[in-house]
Amino acid sequence: MARAEALAGVAPIKTSQVVFAVVAVLVFAADRVSKAVVAGSIPLGQEVPAIDHLLWITHVQNSGAAFGLAPFGSIFFLVVSIVVSVALVIYVARDGGSAYTDTMLGLVLGGTVGNGFDRVLHGSVTDFFTVHWWPVFNVADSAISVGVVLLIAGQLFRQNAD
């Protein structure tokens, strides 16, 4: 009974908050594993074909933002990733949004933490997916981009539905 009384002031955890955390952890894990495989099997700067004439794996280190933008801002981007990560966790923990929104925010958090982790360990981020008409990127960059685009699309769809 004392335990129930102690927990009475705590809001119950929503399913969308659990999904947020699970998606973030899965993205982080996929990012870490993929970067470890690339770093362990492809020498820095080497390119290996993955899908003929469409996708290559190129091991590069990026000290800038996603897709190689602003290549000399490693500390700045580390601070931004910490601020974004804390803000996302606080937002979702306080009540978050819909299941859709919290899922997309989980993608963003997982990617942000994945790249931030690289910056802390190495001072740069391991990028490796290459399509020759686009800058080199990684799983974390993809998760962040997909999460943000789908958040914007979801917001536009909701506005148009009203």
C-alpha atoms as a PDB file:
ATOM      1  CA  MET A   1       0.000   0.000   0.000  1.00  0.00           C
ATOM      2  CA  ALA A   2       2.853   2.421   0.800  1.00  0.00           C
ATOM      3  CA  ARG A   3       4.300   1.855  -2.654  1.00  0.00           C
ATOM      4  CA  ALA A   4       0.965   2.705  -4.305  1.00  0.00           C
ATOM      5  CA  GLU A   5       0.749   5.880  -2.256  1.00  0.00           C
ATOM      6  CA  ALA A   6       4.319   6.825  -3.193  1.00  0.00           C
ATOM      7  CA  LEU A   7       3.536   6.354  -6.865  1.00  0.00           C
ATOM      8  CA  ALA A   8       0.225   8.209  -6.699  1.00  0.00           C
ATOM      9  CA  GLY A   9       1.906  11.501  -7.672  1.00  0.00           C
ATOM     10  CA  VAL A  10       3.658   9.980 -10.707  1.00  0.00           C
ATOM     11  CA  ALA A  11       1.892  10.123 -14.052  1.00  0.00           C
ATOM     12  CA  PRO A  12       1.539   6.727 -15.739  1.00  0.00           C
ATOM     13  CA  ILE A  13       3.855   6.044 -18.646  1.00  0.00           C
ATOM     14  CA  LYS A  14       2.113   6.308 -22.007  1.00  0.00           C
ATOM     15  CA  THR A  15       2.597   3.708 -24.712  1.00  0.00           C
ATOM     16  CA  SER A  16       3.899   6.420 -27.049  1.00  0.00           C
ATOM     17  CA  GLN A  17       6.622   7.269 -24.517  1.00  0.00           C
ATOM     18  CA  VAL A  18       7.730   3.638 -24.471  1.00  0.00           C
ATOM     19  CA  VAL A  19       7.723   3.584 -28.279  1.00  0.00           C
ATOM     20  CA  PHE A  20       9.804   6.795 -28.280  1.00  0.00           C
ATOM     21  CA  ALA A  21      12.420   5.132 -26.064  1.00  0.00           C
ATOM     22  CA  VAL A  22      12.415   1.831 -27.967  1.00  0.00           C
ATOM     23  CA  VAL A  23      12.760   3.527 -31.365  1.00  0.00           C
ATOM     24  CA  ALA A  24      15.588   5.726 -30.051  1.00  0.00           C
ATOM     25  CA  VAL A  25      17.456   2.712 -28.631  1.00  0.00           C
ATOM     26  CA  LEU A  26      16.981   0.684 -31.838  1.00  0.00           C
ATOM     27  CA  VAL A  27      18.244   3.533 -34.028  1.00  0.00           C
ATOM     28  CA  PHE A  28      21.212   4.093 -31.709  1.00  0.00           C
ATOM     29  CA  ALA A  29      22.043   0.359 -31.762  1.00  0.00           C
ATOM     30  CA  ALA A  30      21.734   0.091 -35.557  1.00  0.00           C
ATOM     31  CA  ASP A  31      23.912   3.184 -35.933  1.00  0.00           C
ATOM     32  CA  ARG A  32      26.612   1.881 -33.566  1.00  0.00           C
ATOM     33  CA  VAL A  33      26.686  -1.580 -35.157  1.00  0.00           C
ATOM     34  CA  SER A  34      26.791  -0.238 -38.730  1.00  0.00           C
ATOM     35  CA  LYS A  35      29.588   2.221 -37.902  1.00  0.00           C
ATOM     36  CA  ALA A  36      31.596  -0.506 -36.143  1.00  0.00           C
ATOM     37  CA  VAL A  37      31.242  -2.851 -39.111  1.00  0.00           C
ATOM     38  CA  VAL A  38      32.335  -0.159 -41.567  1.00  0.00           C
ATOM     39  CA  ALA A  39      35.226   1.050 -39.400  1.00  0.00           C
ATOM     40  CA  GLY A  40      36.370  -2.529 -38.815  1.00  0.00           C
ATOM     41  CA  SER A  41      36.180  -3.723 -42.401  1.00  0.00           C
ATOM     42  CA  ILE A  42      36.768  -0.786 -44.744  1.00  0.00           C
ATOM     43  CA  PRO A  43      39.906   1.355 -44.554  1.00  0.00           C
ATOM     44  CA  LEU A  44      39.359   5.088 -44.130  1.00  0.00           C
ATOM     45  CA  GLY A  45      38.752   6.718 -47.505  1.00  0.00           C
ATOM     46  CA  GLN A  46      38.097   3.467 -49.371  1.00  0.00           C
ATOM     47  CA  GLU A  47      34.899   2.982 -51.390  1.00  0.00           C
ATOM     48  CA  VAL A  48      33.237  -0.403 -51.912  1.00  0.00           C
ATOM     49  CA  PRO A  49      30.260  -0.996 -54.227  1.00  0.00           C
ATOM     50  CA  ALA A  50      27.160  -2.191 -52.365  1.00  0.00           C
ATOM     51  CA  ILE A  51      24.330  -1.951 -54.906  1.00  0.00           C
ATOM     52  CA  ASP A  52      25.650  -1.684 -58.453  1.00  0.00           C
ATOM     53  CA  HIS A  53      25.550   1.887 -59.797  1.00  0.00           C
ATOM     54  CA  LEU A  54      23.301   3.046 -56.945  1.00  0.00           C
ATOM     55  CA  LEU A  55      24.928   2.706 -53.508  1.00  0.00           C
ATOM     56  CA  TRP A  56      28.510   2.482 -52.325  1.00  0.00           C
ATOM     57  CA  ILE A  57      30.023   2.153 -48.862  1.00  0.00           C
ATOM     58  CA  THR A  58      32.741   4.738 -48.291  1.00  0.00           C
ATOM     59  CA  HIS A  59      34.450   5.009 -44.918  1.00  0.00           C
ATOM     60  CA  VAL A  60      34.875   8.708 -44.085  1.00  0.00           C
ATOM     61  CA  GLN A  61      35.139  10.745 -40.898  1.00  0.00           C
ATOM     62  CA  ASN A  62      32.988  13.878 -40.729  1.00  0.00           C
ATOM     63  CA  SER A  63      33.617  16.555 -38.121  1.00  0.00           C
ATOM     64  CA  GLY A  64      30.698  18.685 -39.317  1.00  0.00           C
ATOM     65  CA  ALA A  65      26.946  18.362 -39.537  1.00  0.00           C
ATOM     66  CA  ALA A  66      24.904  15.718 -41.307  1.00  0.00           C
ATOM     67  CA  PHE A  67      25.894  15.043 -44.901  1.00  0.00           C
ATOM     68  CA  GLY A  68      29.304  16.704 -44.438  1.00  0.00           C
ATOM     69  CA  LEU A  69      27.925  20.213 -44.016  1.00  0.00           C
ATOM     70  CA  ALA A  70      29.955  22.737 -41.964  1.00  0.00           C
ATOM     71  CA  PRO A  71      33.018  20.474 -41.647  1.00  0.00           C
ATOM     72  CA  PHE A  72      34.750  22.420 -38.861  1.00  0.00           C
ATOM     73  CA  GLY A  73      32.031  22.582 -36.202  1.00  0.00           C
ATOM     74  CA  SER A  74      32.515  19.376 -34.190  1.00  0.00           C
ATOM     75  CA  ILE A  75      32.243  20.961 -30.722  1.00  0.00           C
ATOM     76  CA  PHE A  76      29.327  23.135 -31.798  1.00  0.00           C
ATOM     77  CA  PHE A  77      27.444  20.123 -33.183  1.00  0.00           C
ATOM     78  CA  LEU A  78      28.201  18.095 -30.055  1.00  0.00           C
ATOM     79  CA  VAL A  79      26.655  20.847 -27.901  1.00  0.00           C
ATOM     80  CA  VAL A  80      23.653  21.084 -30.247  1.00  0.00           C
ATOM     81  CA  SER A  81      23.138  17.302 -30.101  1.00  0.00           C
ATOM     82  CA  ILE A  82      23.189  17.368 -26.295  1.00  0.00           C
ATOM     83  CA  VAL A  83      20.693  20.243 -26.148  1.00  0.00           C
ATOM     84  CA  VAL A  84      18.385  18.596 -28.711  1.00  0.00           C
ATOM     85  CA  SER A  85      18.557  15.237 -26.934  1.00  0.00           C
ATOM     86  CA  VAL A  86      17.728  16.713 -23.531  1.00  0.00           C
ATOM     87  CA  ALA A  87      14.895  18.804 -25.002  1.00  0.00           C
ATOM     88  CA  LEU A  88      13.357  15.773 -26.748  1.00  0.00           C
ATOM     89  CA  VAL A  89      13.494  13.631 -23.618  1.00  0.00           C
ATOM     90  CA  ILE A  90      11.952  16.393 -21.497  1.00  0.00           C
ATOM     91  CA  TYR A  91       9.208  17.031 -24.064  1.00  0.00           C
ATOM     92  CA  VAL A  92       8.222  13.382 -24.346  1.00  0.00           C
ATOM     93  CA  ALA A  93       8.579  12.730 -20.596  1.00  0.00           C
ATOM     94  CA  ARG A  94       6.282  15.644 -19.738  1.00  0.00           C
ATOM     95  CA  ASP A  95       3.510  14.295 -21.920  1.00  0.00           C
ATOM     96  CA  GLY A  96       4.819  14.171 -25.451  1.00  0.00           C
ATOM     97  CA  GLY A  97       2.536  14.085 -28.393  1.00  0.00           C
ATOM     98  CA  SER A  98       0.697  11.449 -30.309  1.00  0.00           C
ATOM     99  CA  ALA A  99       2.100   7.983 -30.892  1.00  0.00           C
ATOM    100  CA  TYR A 100       3.114   9.143 -34.393  1.00  0.00           C
ATOM    101  CA  THR A 101       4.918  12.232 -33.088  1.00  0.00           C
ATOM    102  CA  ASP A 102       6.699  10.364 -30.310  1.00  0.00           C
ATOM    103  CA  THR A 103       7.809   7.673 -32.782  1.00  0.00           C
ATOM    104  CA  MET A 104       9.279  10.273 -35.148  1.00  0.00           C
ATOM    105  CA  LEU A 105      10.952  12.021 -32.212  1.00  0.00           C
ATOM    106  CA  GLY A 106      12.435   8.632 -31.259  1.00  0.00           C
ATOM    107  CA  LEU A 107      14.063   8.497 -34.707  1.00  0.00           C
ATOM    108  CA  VAL A 108      15.483  11.978 -34.194  1.00  0.00           C
ATOM    109  CA  LEU A 109      16.732  11.190 -30.673  1.00  0.00           C
ATOM    110  CA  GLY A 110      18.352   7.889 -31.688  1.00  0.00           C
ATOM    111  CA  GLY A 111      20.167   9.541 -34.578  1.00  0.00           C
ATOM    112  CA  THR A 112      21.188  12.568 -32.547  1.00  0.00           C
ATOM    113  CA  VAL A 113      22.592  10.421 -29.741  1.00  0.00           C
ATOM    114  CA  GLY A 114      24.311   8.124 -32.262  1.00  0.00           C
ATOM    115  CA  ASN A 115      26.198  10.958 -33.930  1.00  0.00           C
ATOM    116  CA  GLY A 116      26.810  12.692 -30.595  1.00  0.00           C
ATOM    117  CA  PHE A 117      28.323   9.480 -29.223  1.00  0.00           C
ATOM    118  CA  ASP A 118      30.744   9.390 -32.174  1.00  0.00           C
ATOM    119  CA  ARG A 119      31.730  13.009 -31.549  1.00  0.00           C
ATOM    120  CA  VAL A 120      32.492  12.264 -27.899  1.00  0.00           C
ATOM    121  CA  LEU A 121      34.530   9.129 -28.716  1.00  0.00           C
ATOM    122  CA  HIS A 122      36.313  10.258 -31.877  1.00  0.00           C
ATOM    123  CA  GLY A 123      35.758  13.996 -32.341  1.00  0.00           C
ATOM    124  CA  SER A 124      34.044  13.190 -35.628  1.00  0.00           C
ATOM    125  CA  VAL A 125      31.264  11.018 -37.057  1.00  0.00           C
ATOM    126  CA  THR A 126      31.705   7.901 -39.187  1.00  0.00           C
ATOM    127  CA  ASP A 127      29.782   8.297 -42.445  1.00  0.00           C
ATOM    128  CA  PHE A 128      29.601   5.587 -45.074  1.00  0.00           C
ATOM    129  CA  PHE A 129      26.509   5.454 -47.315  1.00  0.00           C
ATOM    130  CA  THR A 130      27.362   6.964 -50.671  1.00  0.00           C
ATOM    131  CA  VAL A 131      25.156   7.802 -53.600  1.00  0.00           C
ATOM    132  CA  HIS A 132      27.335   9.852 -55.884  1.00  0.00           C
ATOM    133  CA  TRP A 133      24.838  12.669 -56.273  1.00  0.00           C
ATOM    134  CA  TRP A 134      24.458  13.147 -52.473  1.00  0.00           C
ATOM    135  CA  PRO A 135      26.922  13.700 -49.602  1.00  0.00           C
ATOM    136  CA  VAL A 136      28.086  10.652 -47.617  1.00  0.00           C
ATOM    137  CA  PHE A 137      25.779   9.830 -44.674  1.00  0.00           C
ATOM    138  CA  ASN A 138      25.042   7.194 -42.024  1.00  0.00           C
ATOM    139  CA  VAL A 139      22.161   5.475 -40.197  1.00  0.00           C
ATOM    140  CA  ALA A 140      21.893   8.300 -37.639  1.00  0.00           C
ATOM    141  CA  ASP A 141      21.698  10.977 -40.365  1.00  0.00           C
ATOM    142  CA  SER A 142      19.003   8.944 -42.109  1.00  0.00           C
ATOM    143  CA  ALA A 143      16.944   8.519 -38.926  1.00  0.00           C
ATOM    144  CA  ILE A 144      17.138  12.239 -38.129  1.00  0.00           C
ATOM    145  CA  SER A 145      16.187  13.208 -41.674  1.00  0.00           C
ATOM    146  CA  VAL A 146      13.308  10.731 -41.942  1.00  0.00           C
ATOM    147  CA  GLY A 147      12.019  11.698 -38.493  1.00  0.00           C
ATOM    148  CA  VAL A 148      12.060  15.434 -39.250  1.00  0.00           C
ATOM    149  CA  VAL A 149      10.525  15.056 -42.717  1.00  0.00           C
ATOM    150  CA  LEU A 150       7.733  12.818 -41.391  1.00  0.00           C
ATOM    151  CA  LEU A 151       7.081  15.198 -38.475  1.00  0.00           C
ATOM    152  CA  ILE A 152       6.687  18.080 -40.929  1.00  0.00           C
ATOM    153  CA  ALA A 153       4.551  15.967 -43.282  1.00  0.00           C
ATOM    154  CA  GLY A 154       2.370  14.859 -40.380  1.00  0.00           C
ATOM    155  CA  GLN A 155       1.894  18.458 -39.274  1.00  0.00           C
ATOM    156  CA  LEU A 156       1.010  19.574 -42.809  1.00  0.00           C
ATOM    157  CA  PHE A 157      -1.415  16.682 -43.194  1.00  0.00           C
ATOM    158  CA  ARG A 158      -3.130  17.547 -39.898  1.00  0.00           C
ATOM    159  CA  GLN A 159      -3.400  21.202 -40.913  1.00  0.00           C
ATOM    160  CA  ASN A 160      -4.944  20.280 -44.252  1.00  0.00           C
ATOM    161  CA  ALA A 161      -7.373  17.882 -42.560  1.00  0.00           C
ATOM    162  CA  ASP A 162      -8.800  20.679 -40.374  1.00  0.00           C
END
